Protein backbone atom coordinates (compact mmCIF):
# COMPACT_ATOMS: atom_id res chain seq x y z
CA UNK A 1 9.39 -0.07 10.85
CA UNK A 2 12.38 2.29 11.20
CA UNK A 3 14.91 2.76 13.60
CA UNK A 4 16.26 6.74 13.77
CA UNK A 5 19.17 8.50 14.99
CA UNK A 6 18.11 11.42 15.88
CA UNK A 7 19.79 14.67 17.69
CA UNK A 8 18.26 14.68 21.32
CA UNK A 9 14.55 16.26 21.30
CA UNK A 10 14.47 17.11 25.25
CA UNK A 11 14.83 20.53 24.98
CA UNK A 12 12.51 20.86 22.18
CA UNK A 13 9.74 23.60 22.35
CA UNK A 14 6.30 23.50 22.58
CA UNK A 15 5.68 24.43 18.29
CA UNK A 16 7.70 21.22 17.81
CA UNK A 17 5.81 18.98 19.76
CA UNK A 18 2.39 20.78 18.51
CA UNK A 19 3.91 19.90 14.67
CA UNK A 20 3.22 16.17 16.11
CA UNK A 21 -0.03 16.83 17.52
CA UNK A 22 -1.24 18.12 14.56
CA UNK A 23 0.43 15.70 12.21
CA UNK A 24 -1.23 12.50 14.21
CA UNK A 25 -4.41 14.53 14.11
CA UNK A 26 -4.08 14.92 10.93
CA UNK A 27 -3.54 11.41 9.71
CA UNK A 28 -6.20 10.53 12.75
CA UNK A 29 -8.84 11.99 10.44
CA UNK A 30 -8.10 10.82 7.24
CA UNK A 31 -8.93 7.02 7.83
CA UNK A 32 -12.31 8.24 9.22
CA UNK A 33 -13.20 9.90 6.22
CA UNK A 34 -11.89 6.69 4.48
CA UNK A 35 -14.62 5.10 6.46
CA UNK A 36 -17.43 7.96 6.11
CA UNK A 37 -18.94 6.88 3.20
CA UNK A 38 -19.69 3.18 4.40
CA UNK A 39 -23.14 2.24 5.69
CA UNK A 40 -22.84 0.71 9.21
CA UNK A 41 -23.38 -3.26 8.12
CA UNK A 42 -20.24 -2.46 6.01
CA UNK A 43 -18.18 -2.48 8.75
CA UNK A 44 -18.17 -5.84 9.67
CA UNK A 45 -17.57 -7.77 6.69
CA UNK A 46 -14.94 -9.97 5.90
CA UNK A 47 -14.83 -11.25 2.76
CA UNK A 48 -11.84 -12.91 2.38
CA UNK A 49 -9.08 -14.32 5.52
CA UNK A 50 -6.73 -11.54 3.35
CA UNK A 51 -9.69 -9.07 4.43
CA UNK A 52 -10.38 -7.33 7.83
CA UNK A 53 -13.42 -5.49 8.35
CA UNK A 54 -13.30 -1.87 8.38
CA UNK A 55 -14.25 -1.39 10.82
CA UNK A 56 -11.15 -3.87 12.62
CA UNK A 57 -8.80 -1.12 10.92
CA UNK A 58 -9.97 1.51 12.85
CA UNK A 59 -9.57 -0.37 16.07
CA UNK A 60 -6.27 -1.84 15.65
CA UNK A 61 -4.53 1.08 14.83
CA UNK A 62 -5.69 2.94 17.74
CA UNK A 63 -5.00 0.00 19.55
CA UNK A 64 -1.17 0.12 17.85
CA UNK A 65 -0.63 3.76 20.11
CA UNK A 66 -2.23 2.32 23.19
CA UNK A 67 -0.27 -0.67 23.58
CA UNK A 68 2.98 0.88 22.09
CA UNK A 69 2.80 4.59 23.65
CA UNK A 70 0.31 4.99 25.63
CA UNK A 71 0.11 2.03 27.82
CA UNK A 72 4.21 2.30 28.36
CA UNK A 73 5.03 6.57 29.27
CA UNK A 74 1.35 7.43 30.21
CA UNK A 75 1.14 7.62 33.69
CA UNK A 76 -2.44 6.72 35.19
CA UNK A 77 -3.33 5.44 31.54
CA UNK A 78 -6.34 3.19 31.79
CA UNK A 79 -7.96 1.69 28.61
CA UNK A 80 -11.70 1.17 27.85
CA UNK A 81 -11.34 -2.43 28.02
CA UNK A 82 -8.59 -4.91 28.22
CA UNK A 83 -9.91 -7.57 25.99
CA UNK A 84 -9.10 -5.01 23.39
CA UNK A 85 -5.58 -5.66 23.22
CA UNK A 86 -5.95 -9.09 22.76
CA UNK A 87 -8.94 -8.31 19.56
CA UNK A 88 -7.05 -5.67 17.92
CA UNK A 89 -3.49 -6.98 18.09
CA UNK A 90 -2.46 -8.26 14.47
CA UNK A 91 0.73 -9.86 14.96
CA UNK A 92 2.44 -9.01 17.31
CA UNK A 93 3.29 -12.67 19.89
CA UNK A 94 6.20 -11.17 21.73
CA UNK A 95 3.60 -8.66 22.99
CA UNK A 96 0.60 -10.70 23.53
CA UNK A 97 -1.85 -13.75 21.65
CA UNK A 98 -3.64 -11.72 18.84
CA UNK A 99 -6.88 -12.93 17.77
CA UNK A 100 -7.28 -15.09 14.49
CA UNK A 101 -7.33 -13.34 11.56
CA UNK A 102 -9.06 -15.34 9.40
CA UNK A 103 -12.32 -14.28 12.61
CA UNK A 104 -11.90 -10.68 12.45
CA UNK A 105 -15.22 -10.74 10.92
CA UNK A 106 -16.50 -12.47 14.42
CA UNK A 107 -16.65 -9.71 16.18
CA UNK A 108 -19.56 -8.03 16.43
CA UNK A 109 -18.93 -6.16 19.63
CA UNK A 110 -17.35 -3.88 20.10
CA UNK A 111 -20.07 -2.24 18.37
CA UNK A 112 -19.05 0.42 15.25
CA UNK A 113 -19.99 2.84 17.85
CA UNK A 114 -17.71 2.26 20.65
CA UNK A 115 -14.93 1.29 18.55
CA UNK A 116 -15.38 5.39 17.43
CA UNK A 117 -15.76 5.82 20.83
CA UNK A 118 -12.35 3.89 21.25
CA UNK A 119 -10.55 6.40 18.96
CA UNK A 120 -11.45 8.94 20.80
CA UNK A 121 -10.15 8.28 23.68
CA UNK A 122 -7.10 7.34 22.19
CA UNK A 123 -7.15 10.53 20.23
CA UNK A 124 -7.74 12.21 23.95
CA UNK A 125 -4.94 10.62 26.08
CA UNK A 126 -2.82 11.02 22.96
CA UNK A 127 -3.01 14.49 23.02
CA UNK A 128 -2.90 14.40 26.59
CA UNK A 129 0.69 12.87 26.56
CA UNK A 130 1.80 15.43 23.64
CA UNK A 131 0.74 18.14 26.24
CA UNK A 132 3.44 17.22 28.62
CA UNK A 133 5.23 14.56 27.73
CA UNK A 134 8.38 13.15 30.09
CA UNK A 135 11.34 14.41 29.04
CA UNK A 136 13.60 11.72 29.53
CA UNK A 137 11.25 9.62 27.30
CA UNK A 138 10.92 12.69 24.62
CA UNK A 139 13.38 11.04 21.70
CA UNK A 140 11.13 7.17 22.41
CA UNK A 141 7.78 8.84 21.81
CA UNK A 142 8.66 10.74 19.19
CA UNK A 143 10.13 7.51 17.41
CA UNK A 144 6.55 5.45 18.21
CA UNK A 145 4.86 8.02 16.77
CA UNK A 146 6.31 8.57 13.76
CA UNK A 147 5.79 4.68 13.09
CA UNK A 148 2.29 4.85 14.23
CA UNK A 149 1.73 7.44 11.74
CA UNK A 150 3.12 5.69 8.87
CA UNK A 151 1.25 2.19 10.11
CA UNK A 152 -1.99 4.01 10.14
CA UNK A 153 -1.01 5.22 6.81
CA UNK A 154 -0.28 1.32 5.35
CA UNK A 155 -3.94 1.03 6.71
CA UNK A 156 -5.65 4.00 5.36
CA UNK A 157 -4.58 2.22 2.01
CA UNK A 158 -5.91 -1.53 3.78
CA UNK A 159 -8.94 0.25 3.88
CA UNK A 160 -9.88 1.03 0.10
CA UNK A 161 -8.31 -2.60 -1.09
CA UNK A 162 -10.78 -4.18 2.00
CA UNK A 163 -13.82 -2.02 1.05
CA UNK A 164 -13.33 -2.45 -2.07
CA UNK A 165 -13.11 -6.22 -2.07
CA UNK A 166 -15.94 -5.99 0.24
CA UNK A 167 -18.20 -4.06 -1.74
CA UNK A 168 -17.65 -6.48 -4.82
CA UNK A 169 -18.68 -9.83 -2.81
CA UNK A 170 -22.08 -8.07 -2.67
CA UNK A 171 -23.88 -9.07 -6.52
CA UNK A 172 -26.09 -5.20 -6.06
CA UNK A 173 -22.16 -3.86 -7.11
CA UNK A 174 -22.90 -1.29 -4.22
CA UNK A 175 -21.56 2.53 -5.18
CA UNK A 176 -18.88 3.55 -2.34
CA UNK A 177 -19.08 6.88 -3.81
CA UNK A 178 -21.12 8.66 -6.68
CA UNK A 179 -18.88 11.17 -7.46
CA UNK A 180 -16.09 8.47 -8.06
CA UNK A 181 -18.61 6.67 -10.72
CA UNK A 182 -19.16 9.94 -12.45
CA UNK A 183 -15.67 10.68 -12.91
CA UNK A 184 -15.12 6.58 -14.19
CA UNK A 185 -18.03 7.06 -16.55
CA UNK A 186 -16.63 9.98 -18.33
CA UNK A 187 -13.71 8.48 -18.87
CA UNK A 188 -14.74 5.53 -20.40
CA UNK A 189 -16.42 7.07 -23.02
CA UNK A 190 -12.48 8.17 -23.91
CA UNK A 191 -11.30 5.76 -26.82
CA UNK A 192 -7.60 7.40 -27.21
CA UNK A 193 -4.84 4.69 -26.46
CA UNK A 194 -1.58 5.41 -25.07
CA UNK A 195 1.53 5.74 -27.57
CA UNK A 196 3.08 2.13 -27.71
CA UNK A 197 5.50 2.33 -24.75
CA UNK A 198 9.04 4.03 -25.34
CA UNK A 199 11.98 1.94 -24.11
CA UNK A 200 14.86 3.77 -21.37
CA UNK A 201 17.95 2.49 -21.58
CA UNK A 202 20.11 2.29 -18.38
CA UNK A 203 23.74 1.95 -17.82
CA UNK A 204 25.40 -1.27 -16.49
CA UNK A 205 27.09 -0.29 -13.30
CA UNK A 206 27.21 -0.52 -9.33
CA UNK A 207 23.90 0.72 -7.84
CA UNK A 208 23.57 2.41 -3.90
CA UNK A 209 20.03 0.21 -3.57
CA UNK A 210 18.13 1.43 -0.13
CA UNK A 211 18.90 3.77 2.62
CA UNK A 212 20.71 4.11 5.71
CA UNK A 213 18.64 4.90 9.01
CA UNK A 214 17.70 8.61 8.68
CA UNK A 215 19.45 11.54 11.31
CA UNK A 216 16.23 13.92 11.62
CA UNK A 217 12.99 14.34 12.68
CA UNK A 218 10.90 13.03 9.30
CA UNK A 219 8.55 16.24 9.15
CA UNK A 220 11.19 18.33 8.08
CA UNK A 221 12.03 16.54 5.13
CA UNK A 222 8.12 15.93 4.26
CA UNK A 223 8.01 12.07 5.35
CA UNK A 224 11.20 11.49 3.63
CA UNK A 225 13.13 11.50 6.77
CA UNK A 226 11.46 7.92 7.58
CA UNK A 227 12.29 4.85 6.03
CA UNK A 228 11.22 1.51 7.52
CA UNK A 229 14.13 -1.43 8.33
CA UNK A 230 13.19 -3.34 5.60
CA UNK A 231 14.59 -0.11 3.28
CA UNK A 232 17.72 -0.46 5.05
CA UNK A 233 20.99 -0.25 5.12
CA UNK A 234 22.31 0.89 1.91
CA UNK A 235 24.39 -1.48 0.04
CA UNK A 236 26.25 -1.82 -2.87
CA UNK A 237 24.71 -3.69 -5.85
CA UNK A 238 25.74 -4.70 -9.67
CA UNK A 239 22.76 -3.92 -12.16
CA UNK A 240 23.59 -5.03 -15.17
CA UNK A 241 22.42 -2.66 -18.41
CA UNK A 242 18.76 -2.84 -19.03
CA UNK A 243 15.82 -1.20 -20.59
CA UNK A 244 12.59 -0.05 -18.72
CA UNK A 245 9.41 0.83 -20.01
CA UNK A 246 7.83 4.34 -19.74
CA UNK A 247 4.66 3.53 -18.89
CA UNK A 248 3.08 0.31 -17.14
CA UNK A 249 0.38 -1.89 -19.45
CA UNK A 250 -2.80 -0.75 -20.26
CA UNK A 251 -5.72 -1.99 -19.75
CA UNK A 252 -6.16 -2.38 -24.14
CA UNK A 253 -2.80 -4.07 -24.03
CA UNK A 254 -3.99 -6.61 -20.83
CA UNK A 255 -6.75 -7.45 -23.35
CA UNK A 256 -4.91 -8.73 -25.83
CA UNK A 257 -3.07 -11.14 -24.04
CA UNK A 258 -6.48 -12.47 -22.94
CA UNK A 259 -7.67 -12.57 -26.55
CA UNK A 260 -4.55 -14.30 -27.59
CA UNK A 261 -5.17 -17.07 -25.02
CA UNK A 262 -2.87 -15.89 -22.53
CA UNK A 263 -4.56 -17.78 -19.76
CA UNK A 264 -5.21 -21.06 -21.35
CA UNK A 265 -1.11 -21.73 -22.34
CA UNK A 266 0.86 -22.77 -20.66
CA UNK A 267 4.19 -21.72 -21.72
CA UNK A 268 3.34 -18.33 -20.51
CA UNK A 269 3.50 -19.37 -16.94
CA UNK A 270 5.31 -20.56 -13.91
CA UNK A 271 3.93 -23.75 -12.15
CA UNK A 272 2.18 -22.83 -9.14
CA UNK A 273 0.42 -19.80 -11.30
CA UNK A 274 -0.38 -22.01 -14.06
CA UNK A 275 -2.22 -24.81 -11.10
CA UNK A 276 -3.37 -21.69 -9.48
CA UNK A 277 -5.22 -20.36 -12.29
CA UNK A 278 -6.99 -23.61 -12.95
CA UNK A 279 -7.82 -23.89 -9.71
CA UNK A 280 -9.42 -20.55 -9.12
CA UNK A 281 -11.12 -20.39 -12.72
CA UNK A 282 -8.71 -16.71 -13.27
CA UNK A 283 -9.87 -15.58 -17.21
CA UNK A 284 -9.11 -11.68 -16.53
CA UNK A 285 -8.29 -9.43 -13.84
CA UNK A 286 -9.50 -9.04 -10.01
CA UNK A 287 -13.21 -7.51 -10.56
CA UNK A 288 -13.22 -7.62 -14.59
CA UNK A 289 -17.09 -9.57 -15.62
CA UNK A 290 -18.83 -9.23 -19.05
CA UNK A 291 -22.00 -6.96 -19.13
CA UNK A 292 -23.50 -7.75 -22.62
CA UNK A 293 -20.51 -7.97 -24.61
CA UNK A 294 -17.66 -5.65 -22.89
CA UNK A 295 -15.51 -5.71 -19.93
CA UNK A 296 -16.41 -3.99 -16.69
CA UNK A 297 -14.71 -3.48 -13.72
CA UNK A 298 -15.84 -3.35 -9.90
CA UNK A 299 -14.39 -0.14 -8.88
CA UNK A 300 -15.51 2.35 -5.65
CA UNK A 301 -18.06 3.86 -7.95
CA UNK A 302 -19.84 0.13 -8.44
CA UNK A 303 -19.46 -1.53 -11.57
CA UNK A 304 -18.27 0.46 -14.98
CA UNK A 305 -16.76 -0.36 -18.15
CA UNK A 306 -13.36 -0.83 -18.51
CA UNK A 307 -11.31 2.17 -19.37
CA UNK A 308 -8.42 0.71 -21.57
CA UNK A 309 -6.05 3.94 -21.16
CA UNK A 310 -5.79 3.29 -17.64
CA UNK A 311 -3.24 0.76 -16.16
CA UNK A 312 -4.18 -2.75 -15.78
CA UNK A 313 -4.67 -3.65 -12.03
CA UNK A 314 -5.87 -6.53 -9.83
CA UNK A 315 -3.06 -8.96 -11.37
CA UNK A 316 -1.42 -11.63 -9.03
CA UNK A 317 2.07 -11.77 -9.93
CA UNK A 318 1.77 -15.03 -11.49
CA UNK A 319 -0.87 -13.08 -13.95
CA UNK A 320 1.71 -10.01 -14.64
CA UNK A 321 4.98 -12.71 -14.98
CA UNK A 322 3.04 -14.73 -17.69
CA UNK A 323 2.01 -11.57 -19.43
CA UNK A 324 5.78 -9.77 -19.32
CA UNK A 325 7.03 -13.71 -20.90
CA UNK A 326 3.68 -13.08 -23.55
CA UNK A 327 4.99 -9.67 -24.41
CA UNK A 328 8.46 -11.23 -24.86
CA UNK A 329 9.54 -8.86 -21.55
CA UNK A 330 9.90 -9.94 -18.07
CA UNK A 331 10.11 -8.08 -14.59
CA UNK A 332 12.33 -5.31 -13.55
CA UNK A 333 13.95 -6.24 -10.71
CA UNK A 334 13.82 -4.00 -7.63
CA UNK A 335 16.90 -2.94 -7.69
CA UNK A 336 16.17 -1.76 -11.67
CA UNK A 337 12.85 -0.05 -10.31
CA UNK A 338 14.61 1.76 -8.03
CA UNK A 339 17.46 2.82 -10.37
CA UNK A 340 15.32 4.13 -13.09
CA UNK A 341 13.09 5.90 -9.50
CA UNK A 342 15.80 7.79 -7.78
CA UNK A 343 16.18 10.71 -9.85
CA UNK A 344 12.21 10.80 -10.69
CA UNK A 345 9.72 13.42 -8.62
CA UNK A 346 7.79 12.12 -6.26
CA UNK A 347 4.92 12.92 -8.16
CA UNK A 348 1.85 10.92 -9.10
CA UNK A 349 -1.81 9.81 -7.91
CA UNK A 350 -2.53 9.03 -4.84
CA UNK A 351 -5.24 9.09 -2.62
CA UNK A 352 -5.71 12.62 -1.98
CA UNK A 353 -6.95 12.62 -5.71
CA UNK A 354 -9.97 10.78 -4.48
CA UNK A 355 -10.74 8.86 -7.74
CA UNK A 356 -8.90 5.88 -6.12
CA UNK A 357 -8.49 4.32 -9.40
CA UNK A 358 -5.70 4.20 -11.36
CA UNK A 359 -5.94 6.81 -14.47
CA UNK A 360 -4.33 6.86 -18.10
CA UNK A 361 -1.13 8.98 -17.74
CA UNK A 362 -3.16 11.99 -20.40
CA UNK A 363 -5.30 12.75 -17.38
CA UNK A 364 -2.89 12.92 -14.65
CA UNK A 365 -1.57 16.56 -13.84
CA UNK A 366 1.80 17.59 -13.22
CA UNK A 367 4.00 15.66 -15.20
CA UNK A 368 4.95 16.06 -18.74
CA UNK A 369 3.98 13.31 -20.76
CA UNK A 370 7.87 13.48 -22.64
CA UNK A 371 9.27 12.73 -19.65
CA UNK A 372 10.38 9.48 -18.66
CA UNK A 373 9.72 7.18 -17.06
CA UNK A 374 6.35 8.07 -16.18
CA UNK A 375 3.91 7.06 -13.56
CA UNK A 376 6.62 5.32 -11.34
CA UNK A 377 4.72 6.79 -8.43
CA UNK A 378 1.16 6.57 -7.89
CA UNK A 379 -1.66 4.83 -10.55
CA UNK A 380 -0.18 0.78 -9.82
CA UNK A 381 2.24 -0.85 -7.43
CA UNK A 382 3.97 -2.00 -10.11
CA UNK A 383 5.05 -6.19 -9.70
CA UNK A 384 9.43 -6.79 -9.76
CA UNK A 385 11.00 -10.00 -10.36
CA UNK A 386 12.55 -9.89 -6.59
CA UNK A 387 11.27 -11.52 -3.73
CA UNK A 388 10.81 -9.78 -0.21
CA UNK A 389 14.35 -10.82 1.15
CA UNK A 390 16.34 -8.92 3.85
CA UNK A 391 19.45 -6.93 2.40
CA UNK A 392 22.60 -7.62 3.09
CA UNK A 393 23.03 -6.37 6.90
CA UNK A 394 19.79 -6.10 7.93
CA UNK A 395 18.67 -5.99 11.74
CA UNK A 396 15.49 -5.50 12.74
CA UNK A 397 14.19 -3.51 15.15
CA UNK A 398 14.53 -4.94 18.49
CA UNK A 399 11.60 -5.98 20.88
CA UNK A 400 7.78 -6.43 19.68
CA UNK A 401 8.40 -3.80 16.86
CA UNK A 402 10.79 -6.17 15.59
CA UNK A 403 7.99 -8.35 13.73
CA UNK A 404 6.43 -5.77 12.34
CA UNK A 405 8.44 -6.75 8.88
CA UNK A 406 11.37 -9.45 8.98
CA UNK A 407 8.91 -12.24 10.17
CA UNK A 408 7.39 -11.96 6.44
CA UNK A 409 10.58 -12.02 4.85
CA UNK A 410 9.64 -15.94 2.97
CA UNK A 411 7.16 -16.54 0.47
CA UNK A 412 6.71 -12.29 -0.74
CA UNK A 413 7.22 -10.89 -3.86
CA UNK A 414 8.04 -7.20 -3.30
CA UNK A 415 6.11 -4.32 -5.36
CA UNK A 416 7.57 -1.03 -5.77
CA UNK A 417 5.84 2.82 -6.67
CA UNK A 418 3.11 3.17 -4.20
CA UNK A 419 -0.95 3.25 -5.90
CA UNK A 420 -3.97 5.79 -6.41
CA UNK A 421 -5.16 4.48 -2.39
CA UNK A 422 -1.73 5.01 -1.04
CA UNK A 423 -0.59 8.72 0.83
CA UNK A 424 1.58 10.69 -0.95
CA UNK A 425 3.76 11.65 1.58
CA UNK A 426 3.76 7.96 2.30
CA UNK A 427 5.80 7.23 -0.62
CA UNK A 428 9.95 7.06 -1.92
CA UNK A 429 12.18 5.24 -4.16
CA UNK A 430 13.07 3.00 -1.38
CA UNK A 431 9.65 1.81 -0.30
CA UNK A 432 9.06 -1.93 -0.61
CA UNK A 433 6.39 -2.98 -0.74
CA UNK A 434 5.06 -7.25 -0.75
CA UNK A 435 2.39 -9.35 -1.28
CA UNK A 436 2.14 -13.29 -1.64
CA UNK A 437 2.85 -13.88 -5.82
CA UNK A 438 -1.39 -15.03 -5.80
CA UNK A 439 -2.15 -11.42 -4.04
CA UNK A 440 -4.88 -9.68 -6.33
CA UNK A 441 -7.11 -7.58 -4.16
CA UNK A 442 -4.13 -5.23 -3.64
CA UNK A 443 -3.97 -2.20 -6.47
CA UNK A 444 -1.14 -4.41 -8.34
CA UNK A 445 -0.20 -3.50 -12.13
CA UNK A 446 3.04 -4.34 -14.18
CA UNK A 447 5.60 -2.37 -15.86
CA UNK A 448 7.88 -4.25 -18.34
CA UNK A 449 11.83 -4.45 -18.56
CA UNK A 450 14.40 -6.36 -20.44
CA UNK A 451 17.80 -7.24 -21.06
CA UNK A 452 19.94 -5.48 -23.53
């Protein structure tokens, strides 16, 4: 997570604390809103090891506030059930023994109703703590609260990803929300395709990459003051001259890759990807299937025709890399991506738009299509060619929270920019998301780069 260096908050007035409480309540309501369309039976499904049941997500983010804020600092705090500390610990080995990830779908008790009761209990107790926080621990409490809010926002995106995968495994193609379906069906019949991508050149030079620890409370900057530890420290990095495509690769463009035998041409693939593709039978992006000779995709509005104008989504790093090679280009490094994005406005299609599906550039609001580059933020996470490794001088947080990012800096690739399921105030140019190269259920897409 982040390590902050703030002005002392011991003398903060009540309005300051009330603002943190308001933000806490807003984030908590957003998680429950995402789950509101679900049936009770949906909350329990774990469709693969990487997916967690929605019920578990709701309980885990509540456990986080209990374990790292309430238990240490709220006098006379009582947990509803001591077993929750085991059941809903994700991977904090220094805190206690976590329940095995691949078995989360076996936790039929507590029930969905009891999990919501747990959430309500945490909300009440957090309000009680913030109504009279111990002055000597106020800085630590606000730091942990800020971390907890960004942690829950990460799980909101995971909820959307996991709900989509859960529903996709049902042969009935269940619809999460009918209004999403109507919008996607309307888009699918619009035949005008985006112009060919333009290339934008960036000069060679030494760049400042990443950020240093923030010095002010995040809500004073609409989220800009918060960073995860993996985004630090700011450091100098030489970036050679390069070009970046002005938009992500579209479904129409990826379909040409498929039709040109992209999944059968070994010269396009990394060895691990080639063998995995044959083991899994990949022949198209995740969720694509042919119906009456036309490609369809599973969305949160059910099965709909593939929108050829929209960015391709749900491809692995291996597929992204193979496509880039087929197109005579490559994936950008994360330093190149940040070089292009750092001066661009944090505008895009995020979870607040509630479509939960990538959109074509012409359908997005508030951005001139001639402004370059387009869609750097929102719609799809963009694979980079960079492994998720520590920056020079990286230091994880002390204690259990030091496990948040540092322990995963092996076997992961970096993605940048956020997606249609990301909260808008959760993203920034320096944000480093990461997934293993075979992952496809994330809202992951492709932007091309090339050498000059």
